[in-house]
């Protein structure tokens, strides 16, 4: 058993641990979650979000605005974010969608 005991409420974490625990429990493979595991998964998630925001900030010319487009661009361009591609797709217009469908229909004919 670990001797590490996080001090809840001391400002060391920002994300609500109850919500993180709910997400973790949604996995059918998860039976129980220790306090240490919950703390470290929460902290790792915060570091990941911080890293993602920093990547967006640097890629958008250090704009002070965080947008879905900036997030989608980073996810689509970065090999390390490949696992998010299906969850954070680039937005396309209806016209672009129609063109994609038309191209697909044409390629299916050949």
PDB file of N, CA and C in Angstrom:
ATOM      1  N   UNK A   1       0.839  -1.181   0.000  1.00  0.00           N
ATOM      2  CA  UNK A   1       0.000   0.000   0.000  1.00  0.00           C
ATOM      3  C   UNK A   1       0.882   1.242   0.000  1.00  0.00           C
ATOM      4  N   UNK A   2       0.504   2.203  -0.791  1.00  0.00           N
ATOM      5  CA  UNK A   2       1.283   3.425  -0.911  1.00  0.00           C
ATOM      6  C   UNK A   2       1.153   4.282   0.342  1.00  0.00           C
ATOM      7  N   UNK A   3       2.234   4.971   0.679  1.00  0.00           N
ATOM      8  CA  UNK A   3       2.184   5.878   1.820  1.00  0.00           C
ATOM      9  C   UNK A   3       1.773   7.280   1.398  1.00  0.00           C
ATOM     10  N   UNK A   4       1.616   7.482   0.083  1.00  0.00           N
ATOM     11  CA  UNK A   4       1.221   8.791  -0.434  1.00  0.00           C
ATOM     12  C   UNK A   4      -0.237   9.059  -0.098  1.00  0.00           C
ATOM     13  N   UNK A   5      -0.525  10.168   0.534  1.00  0.00           N
ATOM     14  CA  UNK A   5      -1.895  10.549   0.842  1.00  0.00           C
ATOM     15  C   UNK A   5      -2.121  11.980   0.357  1.00  0.00           C
ATOM     16  N   UNK A   6      -2.836  12.133  -0.761  1.00  0.00           N
ATOM     17  CA  UNK A   6      -3.085  13.487  -1.249  1.00  0.00           C
ATOM     18  C   UNK A   6      -3.968  14.253  -0.275  1.00  0.00           C
ATOM     19  N   UNK A   7      -3.714  15.520  -0.172  1.00  0.00           N
ATOM     20  CA  UNK A   7      -4.527  16.373   0.677  1.00  0.00           C
ATOM     21  C   UNK A   7      -5.632  16.961  -0.191  1.00  0.00           C
ATOM     22  N   UNK A   8      -6.799  16.397  -0.090  1.00  0.00           N
ATOM     23  CA  UNK A   8      -7.922  16.876  -0.888  1.00  0.00           C
ATOM     24  C   UNK A   8      -8.292  18.287  -0.449  1.00  0.00           C
ATOM     25  N   UNK A   9      -8.594  19.115  -1.439  1.00  0.00           N
ATOM     26  CA  UNK A   9      -9.017  20.467  -1.133  1.00  0.00           C
ATOM     27  C   UNK A   9      -7.879  21.440  -0.878  1.00  0.00           C
ATOM     28  N   UNK A  10      -6.634  21.004  -1.038  1.00  0.00           N
ATOM     29  CA  UNK A  10      -5.513  21.906  -0.790  1.00  0.00           C
ATOM     30  C   UNK A  10      -5.113  22.685  -2.044  1.00  0.00           C
ATOM     31  N   UNK A  11      -5.898  22.551  -3.116  1.00  0.00           N
ATOM     32  CA  UNK A  11      -5.602  23.268  -4.340  1.00  0.00           C
ATOM     33  C   UNK A  11      -4.651  22.534  -5.255  1.00  0.00           C
ATOM     34  N   UNK A  12      -4.237  21.325  -4.876  1.00  0.00           N
ATOM     35  CA  UNK A  12      -3.276  20.612  -5.704  1.00  0.00           C
ATOM     36  C   UNK A  12      -3.913  20.036  -6.965  1.00  0.00           C
ATOM     37  N   UNK A  13      -5.216  19.882  -6.971  1.00  0.00           N
ATOM     38  CA  UNK A  13      -5.911  19.435  -8.178  1.00  0.00           C
ATOM     39  C   UNK A  13      -7.074  20.368  -8.464  1.00  0.00           C
ATOM     40  N   UNK A  14      -7.418  20.448  -9.735  1.00  0.00           N
ATOM     41  CA  UNK A  14      -8.469  21.364 -10.164  1.00  0.00           C
ATOM     42  C   UNK A  14      -9.723  20.607 -10.589  1.00  0.00           C
ATOM     43  N   UNK A  15      -9.547  19.531 -11.334  1.00  0.00           N
ATOM     44  CA  UNK A  15     -10.701  18.772 -11.827  1.00  0.00           C
ATOM     45  C   UNK A  15     -11.430  18.094 -10.677  1.00  0.00           C
ATOM     46  N   UNK A  16     -12.758  17.995 -10.780  1.00  0.00           N
ATOM     47  CA  UNK A  16     -13.514  17.333  -9.712  1.00  0.00           C
ATOM     48  C   UNK A  16     -13.268  15.825  -9.713  1.00  0.00           C
ATOM     49  N   UNK A  17     -12.724  15.327  -8.617  1.00  0.00           N
ATOM     50  CA  UNK A  17     -12.388  13.913  -8.541  1.00  0.00           C
ATOM     51  C   UNK A  17     -13.621  13.022  -8.632  1.00  0.00           C
ATOM     52  N   UNK A  18     -14.746  13.490  -8.163  1.00  0.00           N
ATOM     53  CA  UNK A  18     -15.968  12.678  -8.258  1.00  0.00           C
ATOM     54  C   UNK A  18     -16.319  12.416  -9.713  1.00  0.00           C
ATOM     55  N   UNK A  19     -16.150  13.426 -10.548  1.00  0.00           N
ATOM     56  CA  UNK A  19     -16.452  13.257 -11.984  1.00  0.00           C
ATOM     57  C   UNK A  19     -15.434  12.332 -12.642  1.00  0.00           C
ATOM     58  N   UNK A  20     -14.173  12.489 -12.310  1.00  0.00           N
ATOM     59  CA  UNK A  20     -13.129  11.616 -12.860  1.00  0.00           C
ATOM     60  C   UNK A  20     -13.407  10.175 -12.438  1.00  0.00           C
ATOM     61  N   UNK A  21     -13.792   9.991 -11.200  1.00  0.00           N
ATOM     62  CA  UNK A  21     -14.095   8.642 -10.708  1.00  0.00           C
ATOM     63  C   UNK A  21     -15.277   8.046 -11.468  1.00  0.00           C
ATOM     64  N   UNK A  22     -16.305   8.850 -11.739  1.00  0.00           N
ATOM     65  CA  UNK A  22     -17.462   8.377 -12.500  1.00  0.00           C
ATOM     66  C   UNK A  22     -17.038   7.927 -13.894  1.00  0.00           C
ATOM     67  N   UNK A  23     -16.180   8.701 -14.526  1.00  0.00           N
ATOM     68  CA  UNK A  23     -15.684   8.343 -15.857  1.00  0.00           C
ATOM     69  C   UNK A  23     -14.869   7.058 -15.788  1.00  0.00           C
ATOM     70  N   UNK A  24     -14.005   6.948 -14.793  1.00  0.00           N
ATOM     71  CA  UNK A  24     -13.194   5.742 -14.647  1.00  0.00           C
ATOM     72  C   UNK A  24     -14.077   4.514 -14.402  1.00  0.00           C
ATOM     73  N   UNK A  25     -15.119   4.668 -13.601  1.00  0.00           N
ATOM     74  CA  UNK A  25     -16.017   3.546 -13.288  1.00  0.00           C
ATOM     75  C   UNK A  25     -16.872   3.138 -14.481  1.00  0.00           C
ATOM     76  N   UNK A  26     -16.962   3.996 -15.490  1.00  0.00           N
ATOM     77  CA  UNK A  26     -17.767   3.660 -16.666  1.00  0.00           C
ATOM     78  C   UNK A  26     -17.135   2.543 -17.490  1.00  0.00           C
ATOM     79  N   UNK A  27     -15.870   2.244 -17.230  1.00  0.00           N
ATOM     80  CA  UNK A  27     -15.198   1.136 -17.903  1.00  0.00           C
ATOM     81  C   UNK A  27     -15.655  -0.176 -17.269  1.00  0.00           C
ATOM     82  N   UNK A  28     -16.106  -1.118 -18.089  1.00  0.00           N
ATOM     83  CA  UNK A  28     -16.550  -2.397 -17.523  1.00  0.00           C
ATOM     84  C   UNK A  28     -15.410  -3.195 -16.874  1.00  0.00           C
ATOM     85  N   UNK A  29     -14.177  -2.856 -17.176  1.00  0.00           N
ATOM     86  CA  UNK A  29     -13.026  -3.562 -16.613  1.00  0.00           C
ATOM     87  C   UNK A  29     -12.624  -3.048 -15.228  1.00  0.00           C
ATOM     88  N   UNK A  30     -13.244  -1.949 -14.791  1.00  0.00           N
ATOM     89  CA  UNK A  30     -12.867  -1.333 -13.522  1.00  0.00           C
ATOM     90  C   UNK A  30     -13.804  -1.792 -12.414  1.00  0.00           C
ATOM     91  N   UNK A  31     -13.205  -2.401 -11.387  1.00  0.00           N
ATOM     92  CA  UNK A  31     -14.008  -2.863 -10.247  1.00  0.00           C
ATOM     93  C   UNK A  31     -13.931  -1.885  -9.085  1.00  0.00           C
ATOM     94  N   UNK A  32     -12.730  -1.459  -8.752  1.00  0.00           N
ATOM     95  CA  UNK A  32     -12.568  -0.495  -7.664  1.00  0.00           C
ATOM     96  C   UNK A  32     -11.446   0.468  -8.031  1.00  0.00           C
ATOM     97  N   UNK A  33     -11.488   1.631  -7.400  1.00  0.00           N
ATOM     98  CA  UNK A  33     -10.505   2.673  -7.688  1.00  0.00           C
ATOM     99  C   UNK A  33      -9.945   3.168  -6.361  1.00  0.00           C
ATOM    100  N   UNK A  34      -8.641   3.033  -6.194  1.00  0.00           N
ATOM    101  CA  UNK A  34      -8.018   3.497  -4.952  1.00  0.00           C
ATOM    102  C   UNK A  34      -7.916   5.020  -4.958  1.00  0.00           C
ATOM    103  N   UNK A  35      -7.750   5.573  -3.786  1.00  0.00           N
ATOM    104  CA  UNK A  35      -7.590   7.023  -3.645  1.00  0.00           C
ATOM    105  C   UNK A  35      -6.362   7.500  -4.411  1.00  0.00           C
ATOM    106  N   UNK A  36      -5.283   6.731  -4.324  1.00  0.00           N
ATOM    107  CA  UNK A  36      -4.054   7.099  -5.031  1.00  0.00           C
ATOM    108  C   UNK A  36      -4.268   7.084  -6.536  1.00  0.00           C
ATOM    109  N   UNK A  37      -4.900   6.036  -7.039  1.00  0.00           N
ATOM    110  CA  UNK A  37      -5.145   5.936  -8.484  1.00  0.00           C
ATOM    111  C   UNK A  37      -6.010   7.088  -8.960  1.00  0.00           C
ATOM    112  N   UNK A  38      -7.046   7.403  -8.206  1.00  0.00           N
ATOM    113  CA  UNK A  38      -7.927   8.506  -8.574  1.00  0.00           C
ATOM    114  C   UNK A  38      -7.163   9.822  -8.620  1.00  0.00           C
ATOM    115  N   UNK A  39      -6.340  10.067  -7.613  1.00  0.00           N
ATOM    116  CA  UNK A  39      -5.550  11.291  -7.576  1.00  0.00           C
ATOM    117  C   UNK A  39      -4.621  11.388  -8.782  1.00  0.00           C
ATOM    118  N   UNK A  40      -3.889  10.309  -9.068  1.00  0.00           N
ATOM    119  CA  UNK A  40      -2.908  10.356 -10.148  1.00  0.00           C
ATOM    120  C   UNK A  40      -3.558  10.434 -11.530  1.00  0.00           C
ATOM    121  N   UNK A  41      -4.672   9.776 -11.726  1.00  0.00           N
ATOM    122  CA  UNK A  41      -5.384   9.889 -13.009  1.00  0.00           C
ATOM    123  C   UNK A  41      -5.917  11.310 -13.171  1.00  0.00           C
ATOM    124  N   UNK A  42      -6.437  11.875 -12.096  1.00  0.00           N
ATOM    125  CA  UNK A  42      -6.924  13.259 -12.152  1.00  0.00           C
ATOM    126  C   UNK A  42      -5.784  14.213 -12.481  1.00  0.00           C
ATOM    127  N   UNK A  43      -4.658  14.054 -11.802  1.00  0.00           N
ATOM    128  CA  UNK A  43      -3.499  14.932 -12.035  1.00  0.00           C
ATOM    129  C   UNK A  43      -2.953  14.752 -13.455  1.00  0.00           C
ATOM    130  N   UNK A  44      -2.879  13.510 -13.936  1.00  0.00           N
ATOM    131  CA  UNK A  44      -2.402  13.253 -15.299  1.00  0.00           C
ATOM    132  C   UNK A  44      -3.332  13.895 -16.323  1.00  0.00           C
ATOM    133  N   UNK A  45      -4.613  13.846 -16.054  1.00  0.00           N
ATOM    134  CA  UNK A  45      -5.587  14.481 -16.954  1.00  0.00           C
ATOM    135  C   UNK A  45      -5.376  15.986 -16.991  1.00  0.00           C
ATOM    136  N   UNK A  46      -5.136  16.581 -15.842  1.00  0.00           N
ATOM    137  CA  UNK A  46      -4.864  18.022 -15.802  1.00  0.00           C
ATOM    138  C   UNK A  46      -3.602  18.368 -16.588  1.00  0.00           C
ATOM    139  N   UNK A  47      -2.554  17.556 -16.440  1.00  0.00           N
ATOM    140  CA  UNK A  47      -1.320  17.799 -17.199  1.00  0.00           C
ATOM    141  C   UNK A  47      -1.570  17.658 -18.697  1.00  0.00           C
ATOM    142  N   UNK A  48      -2.363  16.659 -19.081  1.00  0.00           N
ATOM    143  CA  UNK A  48      -2.678  16.457 -20.487  1.00  0.00           C
ATOM    144  C   UNK A  48      -3.433  17.658 -21.059  1.00  0.00           C
ATOM    145  N   UNK A  49      -4.436  18.125 -20.340  1.00  0.00           N
ATOM    146  CA  UNK A  49      -5.210  19.285 -20.806  1.00  0.00           C
ATOM    147  C   UNK A  49      -4.308  20.510 -20.898  1.00  0.00           C
ATOM    148  N   UNK A  50      -3.436  20.696 -19.916  1.00  0.00           N
ATOM    149  CA  UNK A  50      -2.504  21.826 -19.940  1.00  0.00           C
ATOM    150  C   UNK A  50      -1.583  21.738 -21.166  1.00  0.00           C
ATOM    151  N   UNK A  51      -1.078  20.544 -21.447  1.00  0.00           N
ATOM    152  CA  UNK A  51      -0.221  20.340 -22.619  1.00  0.00           C
ATOM    153  C   UNK A  51      -0.986  20.635 -23.908  1.00  0.00           C
ATOM    154  N   UNK A  52      -2.199  20.158 -23.988  1.00  0.00           N
ATOM    155  CA  UNK A  52      -3.021  20.372 -25.181  1.00  0.00           C
ATOM    156  C   UNK A  52      -3.284  21.858 -25.403  1.00  0.00           C
ATOM    157  N   UNK A  53      -3.625  22.560 -24.353  1.00  0.00           N
ATOM    158  CA  UNK A  53      -3.877  24.006 -24.461  1.00  0.00           C
ATOM    159  C   UNK A  53      -2.602  24.735 -24.876  1.00  0.00           C
ATOM    160  N   UNK A  54      -1.454  24.333 -24.342  1.00  0.00           N
ATOM    161  CA  UNK A  54      -0.181  24.955 -24.721  1.00  0.00           C
ATOM    162  C   UNK A  54       0.111  24.726 -26.202  1.00  0.00           C
ATOM    163  N   UNK A  55      -0.153  23.516 -26.696  1.00  0.00           N
ATOM    164  CA  UNK A  55       0.032  23.220 -28.121  1.00  0.00           C
ATOM    165  C   UNK A  55      -0.865  24.110 -28.982  1.00  0.00           C
ATOM    166  N   UNK A  56      -2.096  24.262 -28.588  1.00  0.00           N
ATOM    167  CA  UNK A  56      -3.037  25.107 -29.343  1.00  0.00           C
ATOM    168  C   UNK A  56      -2.553  26.555 -29.320  1.00  0.00           C
ATOM    169  N   UNK A  57      -2.151  27.025 -28.158  1.00  0.00           N
ATOM    170  CA  UNK A  57      -1.661  28.392 -27.994  1.00  0.00           C
ATOM    171  C   UNK A  57      -0.480  28.666 -28.926  1.00  0.00           C
ATOM    172  N   UNK A  58       0.468  27.745 -28.961  1.00  0.00           N
ATOM    173  CA  UNK A  58       1.651  27.935 -29.803  1.00  0.00           C
ATOM    174  C   UNK A  58       1.328  27.823 -31.290  1.00  0.00           C
ATOM    175  N   UNK A  59       0.379  26.985 -31.650  1.00  0.00           N
ATOM    176  CA  UNK A  59       0.065  26.789 -33.068  1.00  0.00           C
ATOM    177  C   UNK A  59      -0.803  27.902 -33.653  1.00  0.00           C
ATOM    178  N   UNK A  60      -1.476  28.646 -32.785  1.00  0.00           N
ATOM    179  CA  UNK A  60      -2.352  29.705 -33.281  1.00  0.00           C
ATOM    180  C   UNK A  60      -1.710  31.081 -33.183  1.00  0.00           C
ATOM    181  N   UNK A  61      -0.403  31.115 -33.169  1.00  0.00           N
ATOM    182  CA  UNK A  61       0.283  32.407 -33.113  1.00  0.00           C
ATOM    183  C   UNK A  61       0.135  33.085 -31.769  1.00  0.00           C
ATOM    184  N   UNK A  62       0.028  32.279 -30.724  1.00  0.00           N
ATOM    185  CA  UNK A  62      -0.082  32.767 -29.345  1.00  0.00           C
ATOM    186  C   UNK A  62      -1.307  33.650 -29.143  1.00  0.00           C
ATOM    187  N   UNK A  63      -2.381  33.283 -29.822  1.00  0.00           N
ATOM    188  CA  UNK A  63      -3.661  33.950 -29.639  1.00  0.00           C
ATOM    189  C   UNK A  63      -4.193  33.636 -28.245  1.00  0.00           C
ATOM    190  N   UNK A  64      -4.884  34.571 -27.656  1.00  0.00           N
ATOM    191  CA  UNK A  64      -5.463  34.348 -26.333  1.00  0.00           C
ATOM    192  C   UNK A  64      -6.827  33.676 -26.412  1.00  0.00           C
ATOM    193  N   UNK A  65      -7.165  33.164 -27.578  1.00  0.00           N
ATOM    194  CA  UNK A  65      -8.466  32.545 -27.773  1.00  0.00           C
ATOM    195  C   UNK A  65      -8.313  31.048 -28.016  1.00  0.00           C
ATOM    196  N   UNK A  66      -9.041  30.267 -27.261  1.00  0.00           N
ATOM    197  CA  UNK A  66      -9.049  28.820 -27.418  1.00  0.00           C
ATOM    198  C   UNK A  66     -10.307  28.456 -28.199  1.00  0.00           C
ATOM    199  N   UNK A  67     -10.130  27.875 -29.386  1.00  0.00           N
ATOM    200  CA  UNK A  67     -11.277  27.559 -30.234  1.00  0.00           C
ATOM    201  C   UNK A  67     -11.311  26.073 -30.576  1.00  0.00           C
ATOM    202  N   UNK A  68     -12.477  25.617 -30.982  1.00  0.00           N
ATOM    203  CA  UNK A  68     -12.608  24.231 -31.433  1.00  0.00           C
ATOM    204  C   UNK A  68     -11.710  24.002 -32.638  1.00  0.00           C
ATOM    205  N   UNK A  69     -11.652  24.970 -33.535  1.00  0.00           N
ATOM    206  CA  UNK A  69     -10.814  24.837 -34.725  1.00  0.00           C
ATOM    207  C   UNK A  69      -9.359  24.616 -34.336  1.00  0.00           C
ATOM    208  N   UNK A  70      -8.863  25.377 -33.359  1.00  0.00           N
ATOM    209  CA  UNK A  70      -7.485  25.207 -32.897  1.00  0.00           C
ATOM    210  C   UNK A  70      -7.257  23.825 -32.326  1.00  0.00           C
ATOM    211  N   UNK A  71      -8.219  23.343 -31.548  1.00  0.00           N
ATOM    212  CA  UNK A  71      -8.129  21.998 -30.979  1.00  0.00           C
ATOM    213  C   UNK A  71      -8.141  20.943 -32.076  1.00  0.00           C
ATOM    214  N   UNK A  72      -9.084  21.054 -33.012  1.00  0.00           N
ATOM    215  CA  UNK A  72      -9.199  20.073 -34.093  1.00  0.00           C
ATOM    216  C   UNK A  72      -7.941  20.061 -34.962  1.00  0.00           C
ATOM    217  N   UNK A  73      -7.380  21.228 -35.218  1.00  0.00           N
ATOM    218  CA  UNK A  73      -6.159  21.301 -36.030  1.00  0.00           C
ATOM    219  C   UNK A  73      -4.999  20.561 -35.354  1.00  0.00           C
ATOM    220  N   UNK A  74      -4.824  20.779 -34.063  1.00  0.00           N
ATOM    221  CA  UNK A  74      -3.751  20.106 -33.329  1.00  0.00           C
ATOM    222  C   UNK A  74      -3.971  18.599 -33.335  1.00  0.00           C
ATOM    223  N   UNK A  75      -5.193  18.174 -33.075  1.00  0.00           N
ATOM    224  CA  UNK A  75      -5.502  16.746 -33.023  1.00  0.00           C
ATOM    225  C   UNK A  75      -5.254  16.088 -34.379  1.00  0.00           C
ATOM    226  N   UNK A  76      -5.623  16.764 -35.464  1.00  0.00           N
ATOM    227  CA  UNK A  76      -5.463  16.183 -36.794  1.00  0.00           C
ATOM    228  C   UNK A  76      -4.003  16.169 -37.254  1.00  0.00           C
ATOM    229  N   UNK A  77      -3.203  17.131 -36.809  1.00  0.00           N
ATOM    230  CA  UNK A  77      -1.820  17.251 -37.274  1.00  0.00           C
ATOM    231  C   UNK A  77      -0.812  16.477 -36.431  1.00  0.00           C
ATOM    232  N   UNK A  78      -1.110  16.289 -35.169  1.00  0.00           N
ATOM    233  CA  UNK A  78      -0.145  15.714 -34.247  1.00  0.00           C
ATOM    234  C   UNK A  78      -0.266  14.190 -34.158  1.00  0.00           C
ATOM    235  N   UNK A  79       0.849  13.508 -34.381  1.00  0.00           N
ATOM    236  CA  UNK A  79       0.859  12.049 -34.259  1.00  0.00           C
ATOM    237  C   UNK A  79       0.522  11.600 -32.837  1.00  0.00           C
ATOM    238  N   UNK A  80       0.952  12.368 -31.851  1.00  0.00           N
ATOM    239  CA  UNK A  80       0.702  11.976 -30.465  1.00  0.00           C
ATOM    240  C   UNK A  80      -0.769  12.148 -30.065  1.00  0.00           C
ATOM    241  N   UNK A  81      -1.532  12.871 -30.863  1.00  0.00           N
ATOM    242  CA  UNK A  81      -2.955  13.068 -30.575  1.00  0.00           C
ATOM    243  C   UNK A  81      -3.843  12.199 -31.466  1.00  0.00           C
ATOM    244  N   UNK A  82      -3.228  11.260 -32.165  1.00  0.00           N
ATOM    245  CA  UNK A  82      -3.949  10.401 -33.105  1.00  0.00           C
ATOM    246  C   UNK A  82      -5.173   9.728 -32.474  1.00  0.00           C
ATOM    247  N   UNK A  83      -5.074   9.355 -31.222  1.00  0.00           N
ATOM    248  CA  UNK A  83      -6.174   8.660 -30.554  1.00  0.00           C
ATOM    249  C   UNK A  83      -7.427   9.527 -30.392  1.00  0.00           C
ATOM    250  N   UNK A  84      -7.312  10.827 -30.594  1.00  0.00           N
ATOM    251  CA  UNK A  84      -8.456  11.735 -30.469  1.00  0.00           C
ATOM    252  C   UNK A  84      -9.109  12.091 -31.810  1.00  0.00           C
ATOM    253  N   UNK A  85      -8.552  11.618 -32.912  1.00  0.00           N
ATOM    254  CA  UNK A  85      -9.032  12.049 -34.228  1.00  0.00           C
ATOM    255  C   UNK A  85     -10.516  11.796 -34.461  1.00  0.00           C
ATOM    256  N   UNK A  86     -11.033  10.676 -34.006  1.00  0.00           N
ATOM    257  CA  UNK A  86     -12.453  10.393 -34.194  1.00  0.00           C
ATOM    258  C   UNK A  86     -13.342  11.230 -33.286  1.00  0.00           C
ATOM    259  N   UNK A  87     -12.819  11.639 -32.141  1.00  0.00           N
ATOM    260  CA  UNK A  87     -13.619  12.416 -31.190  1.00  0.00           C
ATOM    261  C   UNK A  87     -13.560  13.919 -31.438  1.00  0.00           C
ATOM    262  N   UNK A  88     -12.523  14.371 -32.115  1.00  0.00           N
ATOM    263  CA  UNK A  88     -12.350  15.807 -32.374  1.00  0.00           C
ATOM    264  C   UNK A  88     -12.074  16.007 -33.866  1.00  0.00           C
ATOM    265  N   UNK A  89     -13.080  15.773 -34.691  1.00  0.00           N
ATOM    266  CA  UNK A  89     -12.862  15.949 -36.133  1.00  0.00           C
ATOM    267  C   UNK A  89     -12.864  17.423 -36.515  1.00  0.00           C
ATOM    268  N   UNK A  90     -12.278  17.706 -37.662  1.00  0.00           N
ATOM    269  CA  UNK A  90     -12.376  19.063 -38.203  1.00  0.00           C
ATOM    270  C   UNK A  90     -13.815  19.307 -38.623  1.00  0.00           C
ATOM    271  N   UNK A  91     -14.280  20.497 -38.405  1.00  0.00           N
ATOM    272  CA  UNK A  91     -15.618  20.848 -38.872  1.00  0.00           C
ATOM    273  C   UNK A  91     -15.538  21.147 -40.364  1.00  0.00           C
ATOM    274  N   UNK A  92     -16.551  20.717 -41.078  1.00  0.00           N
ATOM    275  CA  UNK A  92     -16.626  21.015 -42.501  1.00  0.00           C
ATOM    276  C   UNK A  92     -17.989  21.615 -42.803  1.00  0.00           C
ATOM    277  N   UNK A  93     -18.053  22.349 -43.881  1.00  0.00           N
ATOM    278  CA  UNK A  93     -19.330  22.937 -44.289  1.00  0.00           C
ATOM    279  C   UNK A  93     -20.169  21.887 -45.000  1.00  0.00           C
ATOM    280  N   UNK A  94     -21.439  22.180 -45.141  1.00  0.00           N
ATOM    281  CA  UNK A  94     -22.332  21.273 -45.844  1.00  0.00           C
ATOM    282  C   UNK A  94     -21.874  21.100 -47.292  1.00  0.00           C
ATOM    283  N   UNK A  95     -21.405  22.168 -47.897  1.00  0.00           N
ATOM    284  CA  UNK A  95     -20.918  22.099 -49.277  1.00  0.00           C
ATOM    285  C   UNK A  95     -19.715  21.154 -49.374  1.00  0.00           C
ATOM    286  N   UNK A  96     -18.791  21.261 -48.421  1.00  0.00           N
ATOM    287  CA  UNK A  96     -17.631  20.353 -48.409  1.00  0.00           C
ATOM    288  C   UNK A  96     -18.077  18.905 -48.228  1.00  0.00           C
ATOM    289  N   UNK A  97     -19.075  18.700 -47.384  1.00  0.00           N
ATOM    290  CA  UNK A  97     -19.614  17.358 -47.165  1.00  0.00           C
ATOM    291  C   UNK A  97     -20.198  16.795 -48.454  1.00  0.00           C
ATOM    292  N   UNK A  98     -20.947  17.616 -49.174  1.00  0.00           N
ATOM    293  CA  UNK A  98     -21.523  17.170 -50.448  1.00  0.00           C
ATOM    294  C   UNK A  98     -20.424  16.789 -51.442  1.00  0.00           C
ATOM    295  N   UNK A  99     -19.347  17.566 -51.484  1.00  0.00           N
ATOM    296  CA  UNK A  99     -18.236  17.275 -52.379  1.00  0.00           C
ATOM    297  C   UNK A  99     -17.556  15.952 -51.999  1.00  0.00           C
ATOM    298  N   UNK A 100     -17.418  15.707 -50.714  1.00  0.00           N
ATOM    299  CA  UNK A 100     -16.828  14.449 -50.255  1.00  0.00           C
ATOM    300  C   UNK A 100     -17.695  13.274 -50.685  1.00  0.00           C
ATOM    301  N   UNK A 101     -19.008  13.414 -50.503  1.00  0.00           N
ATOM    302  CA  UNK A 101     -19.921  12.345 -50.915  1.00  0.00           C
ATOM    303  C   UNK A 101     -19.873  12.116 -52.421  1.00  0.00           C
ATOM    304  N   UNK A 102     -19.802  13.206 -53.175  1.00  0.00           N
ATOM    305  CA  UNK A 102     -19.735  13.101 -54.631  1.00  0.00           C
ATOM    306  C   UNK A 102     -18.451  12.382 -55.054  1.00  0.00           C
ATOM    307  N   UNK A 103     -17.334  12.759 -54.440  1.00  0.00           N
ATOM    308  CA  UNK A 103     -16.056  12.107 -54.746  1.00  0.00           C
ATOM    309  C   UNK A 103     -16.100  10.625 -54.383  1.00  0.00           C
ATOM    310  N   UNK A 104     -16.732  10.321 -53.263  1.00  0.00           N
ATOM    311  CA  UNK A 104     -16.829   8.922 -52.837  1.00  0.00           C
ATOM    312  C   UNK A 104     -17.687   8.116 -53.809  1.00  0.00           C
ATOM    313  N   UNK A 105     -18.786   8.690 -54.256  1.00  0.00           N
ATOM    314  CA  UNK A 105     -19.656   8.016 -55.215  1.00  0.00           C
ATOM    315  C   UNK A 105     -18.907   7.763 -56.533  1.00  0.00           C
ATOM    316  N   UNK A 106     -18.153   8.756 -56.958  1.00  0.00           N
ATOM    317  CA  UNK A 106     -17.379   8.619 -58.199  1.00  0.00           C
ATOM    318  C   UNK A 106     -16.298   7.552 -58.050  1.00  0.00           C
ATOM    319  N   UNK A 107     -15.653   7.484 -56.878  1.00  0.00           N
ATOM    320  CA  UNK A 107     -14.603   6.481 -56.695  1.00  0.00           C
ATOM    321  C   UNK A 107     -15.191   5.086 -56.549  1.00  0.00           C
ATOM    322  N   UNK A 108     -16.420   4.988 -56.052  1.00  0.00           N
ATOM    323  CA  UNK A 108     -17.081   3.687 -55.924  1.00  0.00           C
ATOM    324  C   UNK A 108     -17.500   3.124 -57.285  1.00  0.00           C
ATOM    325  N   UNK A 109     -17.671   4.018 -58.255  1.00  0.00           N
ATOM    326  CA  UNK A 109     -18.084   3.574 -59.585  1.00  0.00           C
ATOM    327  C   UNK A 109     -16.947   2.877 -60.329  1.00  0.00           C
ATOM    328  N   UNK A 110     -15.723   3.204 -59.955  1.00  0.00           N
ATOM    329  CA  UNK A 110     -14.565   2.653 -60.677  1.00  0.00           C
ATOM    330  C   UNK A 110     -13.927   1.540 -59.958  1.00  0.00           C
TER     331      UNK A 110
END
